């Protein structure tokens, strides 16, 4: 038994010296690579607007058919005003009418709310904004807006993304060159590159998401991307 304890202790000492030697070797090894994160940001202005519109009419229980006629007339007026602004009917998509029953406080049916949605997609931002931000033009004609919302997009977003990826990669190399120069070494070839997700936000926003963001509420937007890169050090 005593001999076994001696063997175990001896092996433990050998392993301990091996681990210590490996640690010292690694701590003295020359760093031969550098990992950096490059970033690029660009501000751009949207050139496409999507206007979501919901029209509604209320009727009593016995006058639903008249409510449909009123809603159809509202949609016709909307199309006519859009045409006056230079927008064609092909820019507009109209949804089916939804009918929802209304009830009073006692739970008794009192009538119906008829709702019809539509959306306009166009590059004529000025015309759409004039109507969406000044609905009196349509309300004066009796058109009832239940809801109205503007969303902004950009038709050449793919081009900006390619440009930003190139800029972020260049930024990563500049950072790596700075680190290598300060360490008295030269920067070698890139060994790996990985692009992050695109963050499209309102200007001066600090919001980010692991899955990327696409803010559609503002006409002006900031787009940011990061690139993780590894380079050899010589």
Protein backbone atom coordinates (compact mmCIF):
# COMPACT_ATOMS: atom_id res chain seq x y z
CA UNK A 1 0.00 0.00 0.00
CA UNK A 2 2.80 2.35 0.90
CA UNK A 3 4.37 1.80 -2.50
CA UNK A 4 1.09 2.68 -4.20
CA UNK A 5 0.91 5.99 -2.31
CA UNK A 6 4.45 6.80 -3.44
CA UNK A 7 3.55 6.09 -7.06
CA UNK A 8 0.41 8.27 -6.86
CA UNK A 9 2.32 11.14 -5.25
CA UNK A 10 5.04 10.86 -7.86
CA UNK A 11 2.55 10.97 -10.71
CA UNK A 12 0.82 13.97 -9.14
CA UNK A 13 4.11 15.85 -8.93
CA UNK A 14 4.93 15.05 -12.56
CA UNK A 15 1.48 16.22 -13.75
CA UNK A 16 1.76 19.40 -11.69
CA UNK A 17 5.15 20.26 -13.21
CA UNK A 18 3.79 19.49 -16.70
CA UNK A 19 0.81 21.83 -16.24
CA UNK A 20 3.05 24.55 -14.79
CA UNK A 21 5.47 24.24 -17.68
CA UNK A 22 2.65 24.41 -20.22
CA UNK A 23 1.29 27.53 -18.54
CA UNK A 24 4.71 29.24 -18.57
CA UNK A 25 5.23 28.29 -22.22
CA UNK A 26 1.87 29.68 -23.27
CA UNK A 27 2.34 32.86 -21.28
CA UNK A 28 5.66 33.49 -23.01
CA UNK A 29 4.47 32.51 -26.48
CA UNK A 30 4.45 35.29 -29.03
CA UNK A 31 0.95 36.52 -29.92
CA UNK A 32 0.59 35.75 -33.64
CA UNK A 33 -2.95 37.02 -34.29
CA UNK A 34 -5.25 39.91 -33.48
CA UNK A 35 -9.06 40.08 -33.37
CA UNK A 36 -10.83 43.38 -34.04
CA UNK A 37 -14.29 44.78 -34.71
CA UNK A 38 -14.77 47.30 -37.49
CA UNK A 39 -17.89 49.46 -37.86
CA UNK A 40 -19.49 51.72 -40.45
CA UNK A 41 -22.53 54.02 -40.35
CA UNK A 42 -24.35 55.95 -43.05
CA UNK A 43 -27.33 58.30 -42.97
CA UNK A 44 -29.80 58.16 -45.83
CA UNK A 45 -33.23 59.48 -46.74
CA UNK A 46 -36.12 57.23 -47.75
CA UNK A 47 -37.48 57.42 -51.28
CA UNK A 48 -40.57 55.21 -50.86
CA UNK A 49 -43.55 55.77 -48.57
CA UNK A 50 -46.27 53.31 -47.58
CA UNK A 51 -49.49 54.90 -46.34
CA UNK A 52 -51.85 52.60 -44.43
CA UNK A 53 -55.40 53.92 -44.23
CA UNK A 54 -58.46 52.58 -42.43
CA UNK A 55 -61.88 54.06 -43.22
CA UNK A 56 -64.94 53.33 -41.11
CA UNK A 57 -68.68 53.92 -40.91
CA UNK A 58 -71.15 53.14 -38.11
CA UNK A 59 -74.68 51.95 -38.85
CA UNK A 60 -77.67 50.79 -36.84
CA UNK A 61 -78.96 47.24 -37.00
CA UNK A 62 -81.37 47.89 -39.86
CA UNK A 63 -79.19 50.01 -42.11
CA UNK A 64 -76.09 47.93 -42.84
CA UNK A 65 -76.50 48.10 -46.62
CA UNK A 66 -76.43 51.90 -46.50
CA UNK A 67 -73.24 51.72 -44.45
CA UNK A 68 -71.61 49.65 -47.20
CA UNK A 69 -72.64 52.25 -49.77
CA UNK A 70 -71.21 55.07 -47.64
CA UNK A 71 -67.91 53.22 -47.19
CA UNK A 72 -67.66 52.47 -50.91
CA UNK A 73 -68.30 56.14 -51.63
CA UNK A 74 -65.55 57.12 -49.14
CA UNK A 75 -63.09 54.85 -50.94
CA UNK A 76 -64.07 56.34 -54.30
CA UNK A 77 -63.48 59.84 -52.93
CA UNK A 78 -60.11 58.77 -51.59
CA UNK A 79 -59.10 57.40 -55.00
CA UNK A 80 -60.23 60.63 -56.67
CA UNK A 81 -58.19 62.81 -54.30
CA UNK A 82 -55.16 60.58 -54.83
CA UNK A 83 -55.58 60.98 -58.58
CA UNK A 84 -55.69 64.77 -58.15
CA UNK A 85 -52.32 64.50 -56.41
CA UNK A 86 -50.85 62.59 -59.34
CA UNK A 87 -51.15 59.11 -57.84
CA UNK A 88 -52.60 56.34 -59.98
CA UNK A 89 -54.93 53.57 -58.87
CA UNK A 90 -52.14 51.01 -59.38
CA UNK A 91 -50.30 52.61 -56.46
CA UNK A 92 -53.19 51.62 -54.19
CA UNK A 93 -54.32 48.25 -52.79
CA UNK A 94 -57.79 48.03 -51.24
CA UNK A 95 -58.69 45.40 -48.63
CA UNK A 96 -62.12 43.75 -48.10
CA UNK A 97 -64.66 45.37 -45.77
CA UNK A 98 -64.82 44.04 -42.20
CA UNK A 99 -68.10 44.16 -40.29
CA UNK A 100 -68.07 44.26 -36.48
CA UNK A 101 -71.18 44.30 -34.30
CA UNK A 102 -71.46 46.97 -31.61
CA UNK A 103 -73.01 46.48 -28.17
CA UNK A 104 -74.24 48.78 -25.39
CA UNK A 105 -73.41 48.50 -21.67
CA UNK A 106 -76.17 45.94 -21.20
CA UNK A 107 -74.66 43.67 -23.84
CA UNK A 108 -77.39 44.35 -26.37
CA UNK A 109 -76.49 44.69 -30.07
CA UNK A 110 -76.95 48.28 -31.21
CA UNK A 111 -75.42 48.37 -34.67
CA UNK A 112 -72.37 47.67 -36.78
CA UNK A 113 -68.99 49.24 -37.46
CA UNK A 114 -67.85 48.78 -41.04
CA UNK A 115 -64.11 49.12 -41.65
CA UNK A 116 -62.08 49.01 -44.85
CA UNK A 117 -58.33 49.19 -45.10
CA UNK A 118 -56.11 50.28 -47.99
CA UNK A 119 -52.48 51.12 -48.51
CA UNK A 120 -50.64 53.29 -50.99
CA UNK A 121 -47.03 52.60 -51.97
CA UNK A 122 -45.30 55.29 -54.01
CA UNK A 123 -42.14 57.30 -54.51
CA UNK A 124 -44.24 60.50 -54.49
CA UNK A 125 -43.62 61.23 -50.81
CA UNK A 126 -44.78 64.84 -51.03
CA UNK A 127 -48.26 64.00 -52.33
CA UNK A 128 -48.88 61.30 -49.75
CA UNK A 129 -47.56 63.37 -46.85
CA UNK A 130 -49.80 66.29 -47.83
CA UNK A 131 -52.86 64.06 -47.50
CA UNK A 132 -51.77 62.00 -44.51
CA UNK A 133 -50.63 65.00 -42.46
CA UNK A 134 -53.56 67.20 -43.50
CA UNK A 135 -56.61 64.87 -43.54
CA UNK A 136 -59.02 67.83 -43.59
CA UNK A 137 -58.99 67.62 -47.40
CA UNK A 138 -60.77 64.26 -47.16
CA UNK A 139 -62.69 64.84 -43.94
CA UNK A 140 -64.36 67.90 -45.49
CA UNK A 141 -65.78 65.50 -48.07
CA UNK A 142 -67.21 63.30 -45.30
CA UNK A 143 -64.49 60.60 -45.39
CA UNK A 144 -63.97 59.19 -41.89
CA UNK A 145 -60.41 58.07 -41.03
CA UNK A 146 -60.27 55.49 -38.26
CA UNK A 147 -56.50 55.16 -38.54
CA UNK A 148 -53.67 56.43 -40.74
CA UNK A 149 -50.00 55.53 -40.65
CA UNK A 150 -46.89 56.34 -42.72
CA UNK A 151 -43.92 53.97 -43.19
CA UNK A 152 -40.71 54.93 -45.00
CA UNK A 153 -38.42 52.66 -47.04
CA UNK A 154 -35.46 52.97 -49.40
CA UNK A 155 -35.29 51.34 -52.83
CA UNK A 156 -31.48 51.07 -53.00
CA UNK A 157 -30.88 49.62 -49.54
CA UNK A 158 -28.94 46.64 -50.94
CA UNK A 159 -26.36 49.03 -52.46
CA UNK A 160 -25.87 50.81 -49.13
CA UNK A 161 -25.42 47.48 -47.35
CA UNK A 162 -22.65 46.42 -49.74
CA UNK A 163 -20.95 49.80 -49.34
CA UNK A 164 -21.12 49.60 -45.55
CA UNK A 165 -19.72 46.08 -45.42
CA UNK A 166 -16.71 47.27 -47.40
CA UNK A 167 -16.27 50.31 -45.14
CA UNK A 168 -16.58 48.23 -41.96
CA UNK A 169 -13.98 45.77 -43.25
CA UNK A 170 -11.59 48.64 -44.01
CA UNK A 171 -12.20 50.02 -40.53
CA UNK A 172 -11.36 46.63 -39.02
CA UNK A 173 -8.06 46.54 -40.94
CA UNK A 174 -7.18 50.08 -39.80
CA UNK A 175 -7.76 49.08 -36.18
CA UNK A 176 -5.68 45.93 -36.57
CA UNK A 177 -2.84 47.90 -38.22
CA UNK A 178 -2.85 50.33 -35.30
CA UNK A 179 -2.58 47.48 -32.80
CA UNK A 180 0.18 45.75 -34.78
CA UNK A 181 2.15 48.98 -35.16
CA UNK A 182 1.99 49.74 -31.45
CA UNK A 183 3.18 46.21 -30.72
CA UNK A 184 6.14 46.59 -33.08
CA UNK A 185 4.78 43.98 -35.48
CA UNK A 186 3.39 43.87 -38.99
CA UNK A 187 -0.13 42.94 -39.94
CA UNK A 188 -0.45 39.78 -41.98
CA UNK A 189 -3.28 38.17 -43.93
CA UNK A 190 -6.85 38.07 -42.72
CA UNK A 191 -7.80 34.66 -41.30
CA UNK A 192 -11.52 35.18 -40.69
CA UNK A 193 -14.31 37.69 -41.34
CA UNK A 194 -17.81 37.75 -39.94
CA UNK A 195 -20.40 40.44 -40.57
CA UNK A 196 -22.95 41.41 -37.96
CA UNK A 197 -26.61 42.26 -38.54
CA UNK A 198 -27.69 45.63 -39.90
CA UNK A 199 -29.21 48.14 -37.51
CA UNK A 200 -31.48 50.62 -39.33
CA UNK A 201 -32.68 53.19 -36.81
CA UNK A 202 -33.89 56.74 -36.51
CA UNK A 203 -31.02 59.29 -36.48
CA UNK A 204 -28.99 59.46 -33.26
CA UNK A 205 -30.63 56.35 -31.84
CA UNK A 206 -28.82 53.99 -29.47
CA UNK A 207 -31.25 51.11 -30.08
CA UNK A 208 -29.81 47.79 -31.24
CA UNK A 209 -31.15 44.27 -31.58
CA UNK A 210 -29.42 40.89 -31.80
CA UNK A 211 -31.55 40.16 -34.86
CA UNK A 212 -31.12 43.58 -36.48
CA UNK A 213 -33.52 46.53 -36.69
CA UNK A 214 -35.45 48.28 -39.43
CA UNK A 215 -37.13 51.48 -38.30
CA UNK A 216 -39.83 52.58 -40.75
CA UNK A 217 -41.23 55.52 -38.80
CA UNK A 218 -38.75 58.22 -39.85
CA UNK A 219 -37.89 59.50 -43.33
CA UNK A 220 -34.21 59.89 -42.41
CA UNK A 221 -32.46 56.82 -41.07
CA UNK A 222 -29.05 55.68 -39.85
CA UNK A 223 -27.76 52.27 -40.94
CA UNK A 224 -24.90 50.62 -39.05
CA UNK A 225 -23.06 47.32 -39.41
CA UNK A 226 -20.06 45.72 -37.69
CA UNK A 227 -17.50 43.27 -39.03
CA UNK A 228 -15.44 40.97 -36.80
CA UNK A 229 -12.05 40.19 -38.31
CA UNK A 230 -8.96 38.21 -37.35
CA UNK A 231 -5.50 38.94 -38.82
CA UNK A 232 -2.13 37.25 -38.56
CA UNK A 233 0.64 39.19 -36.80
CA UNK A 234 4.19 38.95 -38.16
